[in-house]
Protein backbone atom coordinates (compact mmCIF):
# COMPACT_ATOMS: atom_id res chain seq x y z
CA MET A 1 103.32 114.79 120.66
CA HIS A 2 101.95 112.64 123.42
CA HIS A 3 101.20 114.55 126.39
CA ARG A 4 104.25 113.90 128.79
CA ILE A 5 104.43 112.12 131.91
CA ALA A 6 107.09 112.96 134.79
CA VAL A 7 108.10 110.90 137.86
CA VAL A 8 110.62 113.10 140.54
CA THR A 9 111.64 111.05 143.45
CA GLY A 10 112.62 113.19 146.62
CA ALA A 11 110.81 115.95 145.18
CA GLY A 12 109.95 117.32 148.53
CA ARG A 13 112.77 119.41 148.88
CA GLY A 14 115.86 120.84 147.42
CA ILE A 15 116.73 119.83 144.22
CA GLY A 16 114.18 117.29 143.33
CA ARG A 17 111.41 120.01 144.55
CA ALA A 18 112.69 122.92 142.29
CA VAL A 19 113.12 120.05 139.03
CA ALA A 20 109.71 119.45 140.04
CA GLU A 21 108.52 122.90 139.70
CA ALA A 22 110.89 123.54 136.50
CA LEU A 23 109.13 120.64 134.45
CA TRP A 24 105.48 121.30 135.16
CA ARG A 25 106.20 124.62 133.91
CA ASP A 26 107.31 123.45 131.00
CA GLY A 27 103.93 121.46 130.41
CA TYR A 28 104.89 118.16 131.64
CA THR A 29 102.32 116.17 134.14
CA VAL A 30 104.48 115.66 137.04
CA VAL A 31 104.24 112.67 139.54
CA LEU A 32 105.51 113.92 142.98
CA ALA A 33 107.38 110.90 145.02
CA SER A 34 108.82 111.36 148.82
CA ARG A 35 108.34 109.24 151.67
CA THR A 36 106.65 112.31 153.30
CA LEU A 37 103.26 114.07 151.84
CA ALA A 38 102.58 116.42 153.28
CA PRO A 39 105.16 118.83 151.37
CA LEU A 40 103.89 117.16 148.13
CA GLU A 41 100.10 118.06 148.97
CA ALA A 42 101.34 121.54 149.38
CA LEU A 43 103.40 121.41 145.92
CA VAL A 44 100.24 119.94 144.63
CA THR A 45 98.20 122.56 145.25
CA GLN A 46 100.87 125.27 144.16
CA ALA A 47 101.02 123.70 140.83
CA HIS A 48 97.46 123.59 140.29
CA GLY A 49 97.56 126.84 141.23
CA GLU A 50 99.98 127.98 138.63
CA GLY A 51 97.46 126.35 136.32
CA HIS A 52 99.92 123.11 135.80
CA ARG A 53 99.40 119.64 136.32
CA ALA A 54 101.29 117.77 139.18
CA GLU A 55 100.00 114.96 141.44
CA ALA A 56 101.56 113.57 144.81
CA VAL A 57 102.37 110.01 146.05
CA GLN A 58 103.85 108.64 148.90
CA VAL A 59 106.86 106.31 147.78
CA ASP A 60 109.69 104.68 150.36
CA VAL A 61 112.35 104.43 147.42
CA ARG A 62 113.78 101.72 149.69
CA ASP A 63 111.16 98.90 149.72
CA PRO A 64 110.63 97.61 146.08
CA ASP A 65 107.47 97.18 147.03
CA SER A 66 105.83 100.68 147.57
CA VAL A 67 108.36 101.57 144.22
CA GLU A 68 106.42 98.88 142.14
CA ALA A 69 102.76 100.50 143.69
CA LEU A 70 103.94 104.28 142.59
CA PHE A 71 104.82 103.27 138.68
CA ALA A 72 101.38 100.96 138.66
CA HIS A 73 99.93 103.61 139.66
CA VAL A 74 101.50 106.52 136.77
CA GLN A 75 100.80 103.21 133.95
CA ALA A 76 97.46 103.00 135.91
CA ARG A 77 96.63 106.65 135.75
CA HIS A 78 98.59 108.62 132.86
CA GLY A 79 99.58 105.04 130.65
CA ARG A 80 103.09 106.19 129.81
CA LEU A 81 105.99 107.20 131.19
CA ASP A 82 108.56 109.74 129.41
CA VAL A 83 110.89 111.05 132.24
CA LEU A 84 112.22 109.97 135.57
CA PHE A 85 114.28 111.76 137.08
CA ASN A 86 115.91 109.51 139.74
CA ASN A 87 116.76 112.25 143.05
CA ALA A 88 116.24 110.21 146.65
CA GLY A 89 118.99 110.05 148.47
CA VAL A 90 120.61 110.59 151.75
CA GLY A 91 124.11 111.49 153.43
CA ALA A 92 125.64 110.17 156.00
CA PRO A 93 127.37 111.78 159.52
CA ALA A 94 130.74 112.47 158.42
CA VAL A 95 132.95 110.35 160.72
CA PRO A 96 135.69 108.06 160.11
CA ILE A 97 135.03 104.87 158.18
CA ASP A 98 135.83 102.87 161.87
CA GLU A 99 133.32 105.42 163.75
CA LEU A 100 130.14 104.39 161.34
CA THR A 101 127.91 101.92 162.28
CA ILE A 102 126.15 99.51 160.10
CA ASP A 103 122.79 101.17 160.30
CA GLN A 104 124.40 104.63 159.03
CA TRP A 105 126.01 102.90 156.12
CA ARG A 106 122.61 100.61 154.76
CA THR A 107 120.52 103.56 155.39
CA ALA A 108 122.59 104.93 152.78
CA VAL A 109 123.16 102.36 150.56
CA ALA A 110 119.66 101.48 150.57
CA THR A 111 118.28 104.84 149.50
CA ASN A 112 121.12 105.87 147.57
CA LEU A 113 122.01 102.62 145.62
CA ASP A 114 119.18 100.58 145.67
CA GLY A 115 116.80 103.29 145.66
CA VAL A 116 118.09 104.33 141.92
CA PHE A 117 118.02 100.91 140.78
CA PHE A 118 114.65 99.85 142.07
CA CYS A 119 113.20 103.21 140.10
CA ALA A 120 114.67 102.48 137.31
CA ARG A 121 114.31 99.04 137.23
CA ALA A 122 110.20 99.85 137.61
CA ALA A 123 110.48 102.90 134.88
CA TYR A 124 112.64 100.65 132.21
CA ALA A 125 109.61 97.79 132.56
CA LEU A 126 107.26 100.75 131.74
CA MET A 127 109.24 102.71 129.24
CA LYS A 128 109.66 99.11 127.24
CA THR A 129 106.17 98.57 126.67
CA GLN A 130 104.69 101.31 126.10
CA THR A 131 103.60 102.91 122.89
CA PRO A 132 105.04 104.60 122.11
CA ARG A 133 107.96 102.96 123.37
CA GLY A 134 110.88 104.18 124.80
CA GLY A 135 111.66 107.15 127.22
CA ARG A 136 114.84 108.66 129.37
CA ILE A 137 115.97 108.21 133.35
CA ILE A 138 118.06 110.57 134.70
CA ASN A 139 119.70 109.62 138.15
CA ASN A 140 121.03 112.67 140.67
CA GLY A 141 124.57 111.77 140.92
CA SER A 142 127.09 113.81 142.64
CA ILE A 143 130.49 115.04 142.29
CA ALA A 144 131.28 112.20 144.63
CA ALA A 145 130.47 109.73 141.88
CA TYR A 146 134.58 110.57 140.86
CA THR A 147 136.10 112.06 143.87
CA PRO A 148 135.27 112.36 147.32
CA ARG A 149 135.05 114.18 150.04
CA PRO A 150 136.70 113.16 153.09
CA PHE A 151 134.54 110.96 155.83
CA SER A 152 132.25 110.21 153.35
CA ALA A 153 132.84 106.51 152.19
CA PRO A 154 129.00 105.67 152.34
CA TYR A 155 127.79 108.42 149.83
CA THR A 156 130.99 108.22 147.79
CA ALA A 157 130.29 104.29 147.21
CA SER A 158 126.75 104.63 146.69
CA LYS A 159 127.32 106.93 144.09
CA HIS A 160 130.34 105.49 142.26
CA ALA A 161 128.04 102.58 142.04
CA VAL A 162 125.55 104.73 140.50
CA LEU A 163 127.89 106.18 137.89
CA GLY A 164 128.28 102.01 136.73
CA LEU A 165 124.25 101.47 137.23
CA THR A 166 124.07 104.89 134.91
CA LYS A 167 126.29 103.68 132.06
CA ALA A 168 124.50 99.86 132.46
CA ILE A 169 121.12 101.13 131.53
CA ALA A 170 122.33 103.78 129.50
CA LEU A 171 123.78 100.49 127.05
CA ASP A 172 121.07 97.88 127.92
CA GLY A 173 118.28 100.76 127.28
CA ARG A 174 119.22 100.94 123.39
CA ALA A 175 117.24 98.18 122.47
CA HIS A 176 114.44 99.48 123.99
CA ASP A 177 115.22 103.58 122.85
CA ILE A 178 115.12 104.02 126.92
CA ALA A 179 118.18 107.01 127.41
CA CYS A 180 119.85 106.87 130.68
CA SER A 181 121.71 110.05 132.14
CA GLN A 182 123.28 111.55 135.05
CA ILE A 183 123.97 114.46 136.17
CA ASP A 184 126.34 115.13 139.05
CA ILE A 185 125.54 118.57 140.78
CA GLY A 186 128.30 120.02 142.82
CA ASN A 187 127.27 122.94 145.84
CA ALA A 188 123.64 123.28 144.45
CA ASP A 189 122.29 126.14 147.12
CA THR A 190 119.94 123.40 149.04
CA GLU A 191 119.58 123.22 152.48
CA MET A 192 122.25 120.09 152.18
CA ALA A 193 124.81 122.70 151.17
CA GLU A 194 124.27 125.16 153.89
CA ARG A 195 127.39 123.86 155.50
CA MET A 196 129.26 124.41 152.42
CA ALA A 197 128.87 128.32 153.14
CA GLN A 198 129.50 128.07 156.58
CA GLY A 199 132.85 126.40 156.02
CA ILE A 200 133.39 122.51 155.66
CA LEU A 201 136.66 120.28 155.75
CA GLN A 202 138.80 119.91 152.93
CA ALA A 203 140.84 116.74 151.88
CA HIS A 204 144.17 118.73 152.99
CA GLY A 205 142.81 118.87 156.73
CA GLY A 206 141.26 122.58 156.52
CA ILE A 207 138.28 124.02 156.96
CA ALA A 208 136.92 126.18 153.89
CA VAL A 209 133.59 127.95 152.51
CA GLU A 210 132.58 127.03 149.26
CA PRO A 211 130.69 128.84 146.89
CA LEU A 212 127.24 127.97 145.95
CA LEU A 213 124.85 126.87 142.58
CA ASP A 214 122.37 128.77 142.15
CA LEU A 215 119.18 125.92 141.83
CA ARG A 216 117.93 127.43 138.53
CA HIS A 217 121.07 125.98 136.67
CA VAL A 218 120.09 122.48 137.71
CA CYS A 219 116.67 122.69 136.54
CA ASP A 220 117.92 124.50 133.33
CA ALA A 221 120.70 121.49 132.96
CA VAL A 222 117.90 118.94 133.64
CA LEU A 223 115.21 120.01 131.30
CA TYR A 224 118.12 120.17 128.49
CA ILE A 225 118.73 116.57 128.80
CA ALA A 226 114.95 115.79 129.55
CA ASN A 227 113.79 117.62 126.16
CA LEU A 228 116.48 115.68 123.68
CA PRO A 229 115.21 113.57 121.37
CA LEU A 230 115.69 109.70 122.30
CA SER A 231 118.19 109.83 119.21
CA ALA A 232 120.59 111.74 121.48
CA ASN A 233 122.04 111.43 125.08
CA VAL A 234 123.87 112.95 127.16
CA LEU A 235 125.50 110.03 129.68
CA THR A 236 126.90 112.31 132.27
CA MET A 237 126.71 115.90 132.91
CA ASN A 238 128.83 117.93 135.70
CA VAL A 239 127.05 121.07 136.81
CA MET A 240 128.97 123.09 139.63
CA ALA A 241 129.78 126.33 141.41
CA THR A 242 132.64 127.45 138.93
CA LYS A 243 135.11 128.04 141.95
CA MET A 244 133.97 125.08 144.02
CA PRO A 245 137.29 123.05 145.10
CA PHE A 246 136.75 119.45 142.89
CA VAL A 247 138.79 120.06 139.87
CA GLY A 248 142.40 119.48 141.89
CA ARG A 249 140.39 118.70 144.68
CA GLY A 250 143.26 116.82 147.36
């Protein structure tokens, strides 16, 4: 089997960082991508210290030229791409929709939807022309791709749209041996989920503490999808804390 190359966006922290570590320990060369370079460089040092292969590339997924430069670098340096973990994303203030600013809306959509599209588009173009052809795109969706939390309009709308994009890429990619999946994670134990453990607004108007999911289970799920043969696909997968209020939410 050829040497495997993976790109992880939003790799500087949280889920992106954990998945990047899991991928390089599984034998991938991992291209770490994020707007902030310093955390990526620290991760590269860590990977090399463990005897693994990783490199850092600064990218703003909201900027199509920046994204094109990232994937041009991958093609020039490695000649191919096997896995894209399309992970970069942001939230928005938890306020009623009439209190949300247009800039806050646009920032969420630009990162969570445009960024996923720009990266998938560039990866798709590389995967369909490389030899051997094909590859796998794994989009980081969310429980919010199915059911919203209170005051989450930008995040929920963008993640619903990513689900449609995932299905469209999965359909169109068949002709080029490109598989596309979406992993929808509930309450992974990251900096973004700290508020869950402190108590968060529920659909009925009360506040409740929610359980968190160990990141190793997320990494195991991504690795499972990444290492499937291209003849098999997991279109969508929910990985969540068992007792989080998703089933029956509302």
